[in-house]
Amino acid sequence: MAERILLVDDDPLSLRSISLFLGEEGYQVQEAHDGMEALNCLKNDSFDLILSDIFMPRCNGFGVLEEAKKMSPHIPVIFITAYPTRDPDRKAESLAASLGAEALIPKPLLFEDLLEKIQRALKREE
């Protein structure tokens, strides 16, 4: 059975392109358009990994990670963000790591890098 990924991003173009790529790689992807939608998905379903943008309306990626870890402490979370250059002190990366995120990947994404990090995170959970 294919691993299930919850993909969370408020940018429709990113959401669709990443979803298509992961689907072609054999993953089953559930899309959420913001953090609140992601939390509803987590309440109603189980996932093997969460791939989430950080900066979103209603509930940011850090909120998604904190709630996800309460529901399923071992679920790997990988962050994607378009803002690493606006964060020269790497505060977002430090916070992500302290909350238990597997990685923080800058946008625009290199799909091969994303795939490698997803595979590594899922392998750790076996």
Protein backbone atom coordinates (compact mmCIF):
# COMPACT_ATOMS: atom_id res chain seq x y z
CA MET A 1 0.00 0.00 0.00
CA ALA A 2 1.28 3.47 -0.89
CA GLU A 3 2.46 5.75 1.89
CA ARG A 4 0.04 8.57 2.66
CA ILE A 5 1.27 12.15 2.70
CA LEU A 6 -0.67 15.15 3.95
CA LEU A 7 0.44 18.09 1.80
CA VAL A 8 -0.36 21.53 3.25
CA ASP A 9 0.20 24.75 1.29
CA ASP A 10 -1.86 27.89 0.77
CA ASP A 11 -0.29 28.49 -2.65
CA PRO A 12 -2.48 26.61 -5.17
CA LEU A 13 0.29 26.29 -7.77
CA SER A 14 2.75 24.80 -5.29
CA LEU A 15 0.09 22.52 -3.86
CA ARG A 16 -0.87 21.15 -7.26
CA SER A 17 2.66 20.74 -8.66
CA ILE A 18 3.98 19.00 -5.54
CA SER A 19 0.89 16.80 -5.35
CA LEU A 20 1.25 15.72 -8.97
CA PHE A 21 4.95 14.98 -8.52
CA LEU A 22 4.41 12.90 -5.38
CA GLY A 23 1.51 11.05 -7.00
CA GLU A 24 3.74 10.13 -9.94
CA GLU A 25 6.30 8.83 -7.43
CA GLY A 26 3.71 6.45 -6.00
CA TYR A 27 2.56 8.32 -2.90
CA GLN A 28 -1.07 8.81 -1.97
CA VAL A 29 -1.47 12.56 -1.37
CA GLN A 30 -4.19 14.39 0.55
CA GLU A 31 -4.15 18.15 -0.12
CA ALA A 32 -4.97 20.80 2.48
CA HIS A 33 -5.11 24.50 1.57
CA ASP A 34 -4.18 25.84 5.02
CA GLY A 35 -3.35 24.73 8.53
CA MET A 36 -6.94 24.52 9.74
CA GLU A 37 -7.88 22.24 6.86
CA ALA A 38 -4.82 20.13 7.66
CA LEU A 39 -5.88 19.78 11.30
CA ASN A 40 -9.32 18.58 10.17
CA CYS A 41 -7.65 16.02 7.90
CA LEU A 42 -5.50 14.80 10.80
CA LYS A 43 -8.57 14.36 13.01
CA ASN A 44 -10.33 12.25 10.39
CA ASP A 45 -7.52 10.24 8.83
CA SER A 46 -4.01 8.91 9.38
CA PHE A 47 -0.89 9.77 7.41
CA ASP A 48 2.65 8.50 7.17
CA LEU A 49 4.18 11.97 6.70
CA ILE A 50 3.20 15.65 6.68
CA LEU A 51 4.72 18.04 4.16
CA SER A 52 3.74 21.58 5.11
CA ASP A 53 4.38 25.18 4.22
CA ILE A 54 5.19 27.29 7.29
CA PHE A 55 3.59 30.67 6.67
CA MET A 56 -0.14 30.25 6.01
CA PRO A 57 -3.33 31.99 7.13
CA ARG A 58 -5.54 30.68 9.94
CA CYS A 59 -2.97 28.20 11.29
CA ASN A 60 0.70 28.14 10.35
CA GLY A 61 2.89 25.10 9.83
CA PHE A 62 4.26 25.23 13.37
CA GLY A 63 0.70 24.90 14.69
CA VAL A 64 0.10 21.95 12.38
CA LEU A 65 3.30 20.28 13.60
CA GLU A 66 2.45 20.78 17.29
CA GLU A 67 -1.06 19.36 16.92
CA ALA A 68 0.11 16.49 14.70
CA LYS A 69 2.72 15.46 17.26
CA LYS A 70 0.03 15.39 19.97
CA MET A 71 -2.10 13.05 17.85
CA SER A 72 0.72 10.93 16.47
CA PRO A 73 4.08 11.62 18.16
CA HIS A 74 6.17 9.72 15.63
CA ILE A 75 4.78 11.22 12.42
CA PRO A 76 7.55 12.88 10.42
CA VAL A 77 6.96 16.49 9.40
CA ILE A 78 8.92 18.25 6.67
CA PHE A 79 8.54 21.98 6.15
CA ILE A 80 8.73 23.82 2.85
CA THR A 81 8.97 27.60 2.71
CA ALA A 82 9.54 30.45 0.31
CA TYR A 83 10.95 32.63 3.08
CA PRO A 84 14.43 31.34 3.99
CA THR A 85 16.13 34.41 2.54
CA ARG A 86 13.94 36.65 4.72
CA ASP A 87 15.16 34.78 7.80
CA PRO A 88 18.95 35.38 7.86
CA ASP A 89 19.21 34.28 11.51
CA ARG A 90 17.56 30.96 10.57
CA LYS A 91 15.01 31.33 13.37
CA ALA A 92 12.34 29.40 11.47
CA GLU A 93 14.76 26.54 10.87
CA SER A 94 15.77 26.49 14.55
CA LEU A 95 12.15 26.54 15.69
CA ALA A 96 11.23 23.80 13.22
CA ALA A 97 14.04 21.59 14.52
CA SER A 98 13.17 22.27 18.18
CA LEU A 99 9.56 21.25 17.52
CA GLY A 100 10.65 17.99 15.91
CA ALA A 101 10.53 18.70 12.18
CA GLU A 102 12.63 16.41 10.01
CA ALA A 103 13.77 19.13 7.61
CA LEU A 104 13.09 22.58 6.21
CA ILE A 105 13.31 22.83 2.42
CA PRO A 106 13.38 26.21 0.65
CA LYS A 107 11.16 27.01 -2.32
CA PRO A 108 11.48 26.82 -5.21
CA LEU A 109 11.79 23.12 -4.52
CA LEU A 110 14.23 20.79 -6.13
CA PHE A 111 11.99 17.74 -6.48
CA GLU A 112 14.87 15.27 -6.21
CA ASP A 113 15.93 16.86 -2.89
CA LEU A 114 12.34 16.74 -1.66
CA LEU A 115 12.00 13.09 -2.64
CA GLU A 116 15.25 12.18 -0.88
CA LYS A 117 14.15 13.87 2.36
CA ILE A 118 10.73 12.21 2.23
CA GLN A 119 12.26 8.77 1.66
CA ARG A 120 14.75 9.30 4.50
CA ALA A 121 12.02 10.43 6.91
CA LEU A 122 9.74 7.51 6.05
CA LYS A 123 12.58 5.02 6.38
CA ARG A 124 13.28 6.22 9.92
CA GLU A 125 9.67 5.53 10.84
CA GLU A 126 9.77 1.86 9.78
